[in-house]
Amino acid sequence: MTNKTMGEPVHLALPEGWPVPHPGCKVCGALAAERERAQASGDLSKVSDCNVEIREHKDAHPRRQR
């Protein structure tokens, strides 16, 4: 006999906010502009792609020392 009970509930986190482009970086600026155009045209998949690219690209920027 197979078990027909439901499994444990799935808990999902809220999506992260939009990453902020690194000031003065041309790549981040271009990705942010592309993201704005994508949002204006309703292409939410492209918005998400741009957010991922900005987030990953920001890892290449040096961190400020405190």
Protein backbone atom coordinates (compact mmCIF):
# COMPACT_ATOMS: atom_id res chain seq x y z
CA MET A 1 0.00 0.00 0.00
CA THR A 2 1.36 3.43 -0.93
CA ASN A 3 1.38 6.39 1.42
CA LYS A 4 -1.14 9.00 0.21
CA THR A 5 -0.54 11.63 2.88
CA MET A 6 0.84 15.04 2.06
CA GLY A 7 4.49 15.80 2.68
CA GLU A 8 5.88 18.59 4.80
CA PRO A 9 5.02 22.16 3.72
CA VAL A 10 7.48 24.04 1.54
CA HIS A 11 8.66 27.40 2.87
CA LEU A 12 9.77 29.89 0.23
CA ALA A 13 11.64 33.10 0.95
CA LEU A 14 10.68 36.41 -0.58
CA PRO A 15 12.67 37.25 -3.71
CA GLU A 16 15.70 39.46 -3.22
CA GLY A 17 15.39 43.12 -4.09
CA TRP A 18 17.03 44.56 -7.16
CA PRO A 19 20.81 44.76 -6.83
CA VAL A 20 22.24 48.28 -6.87
CA PRO A 21 24.79 48.87 -9.65
CA HIS A 22 28.32 49.70 -8.51
CA PRO A 23 28.83 53.48 -8.82
CA GLY A 24 30.94 54.45 -11.83
CA CYS A 25 31.01 50.96 -13.38
CA LYS A 26 30.06 51.07 -17.06
CA VAL A 27 29.06 47.38 -17.10
CA CYS A 28 26.76 47.75 -14.10
CA GLY A 29 25.31 50.94 -15.59
CA ALA A 30 24.60 49.27 -18.94
CA LEU A 31 22.95 46.30 -17.23
CA ALA A 32 20.81 48.63 -15.09
CA ALA A 33 19.70 50.55 -18.20
CA GLU A 34 18.86 47.28 -19.97
CA ARG A 35 16.90 46.19 -16.90
CA GLU A 36 14.88 49.43 -16.94
CA ARG A 37 14.04 48.97 -20.65
CA ALA A 38 13.02 45.37 -20.00
CA GLN A 39 10.75 46.40 -17.14
CA ALA A 40 9.16 49.15 -19.24
CA SER A 41 8.37 46.64 -22.00
CA GLY A 42 7.04 44.03 -19.54
CA ASP A 43 9.86 41.52 -20.12
CA LEU A 44 10.16 40.30 -16.54
CA SER A 45 12.36 37.37 -17.57
CA LYS A 46 14.94 39.83 -18.93
CA VAL A 47 14.62 41.92 -15.75
CA SER A 48 15.50 38.82 -13.74
CA ASP A 49 18.41 38.01 -16.07
CA CYS A 50 19.81 41.53 -15.66
CA ASN A 51 19.47 41.32 -11.88
CA VAL A 52 21.44 38.08 -11.84
CA GLU A 53 24.14 39.57 -14.08
CA ILE A 54 24.47 42.70 -11.93
CA ARG A 55 24.59 40.63 -8.74
CA GLU A 56 27.27 38.31 -10.15
CA HIS A 57 29.25 41.14 -11.77
CA LYS A 58 29.33 43.09 -8.51
CA ASP A 59 31.42 40.28 -7.03
CA ALA A 60 34.25 41.46 -9.31
CA HIS A 61 34.31 44.89 -7.63
CA PRO A 62 36.70 45.32 -4.72
CA ARG A 63 35.09 45.59 -1.32
CA ARG A 64 35.60 48.76 0.68
CA GLN A 65 37.91 48.32 3.66
CA ARG A 66 36.59 49.59 6.98
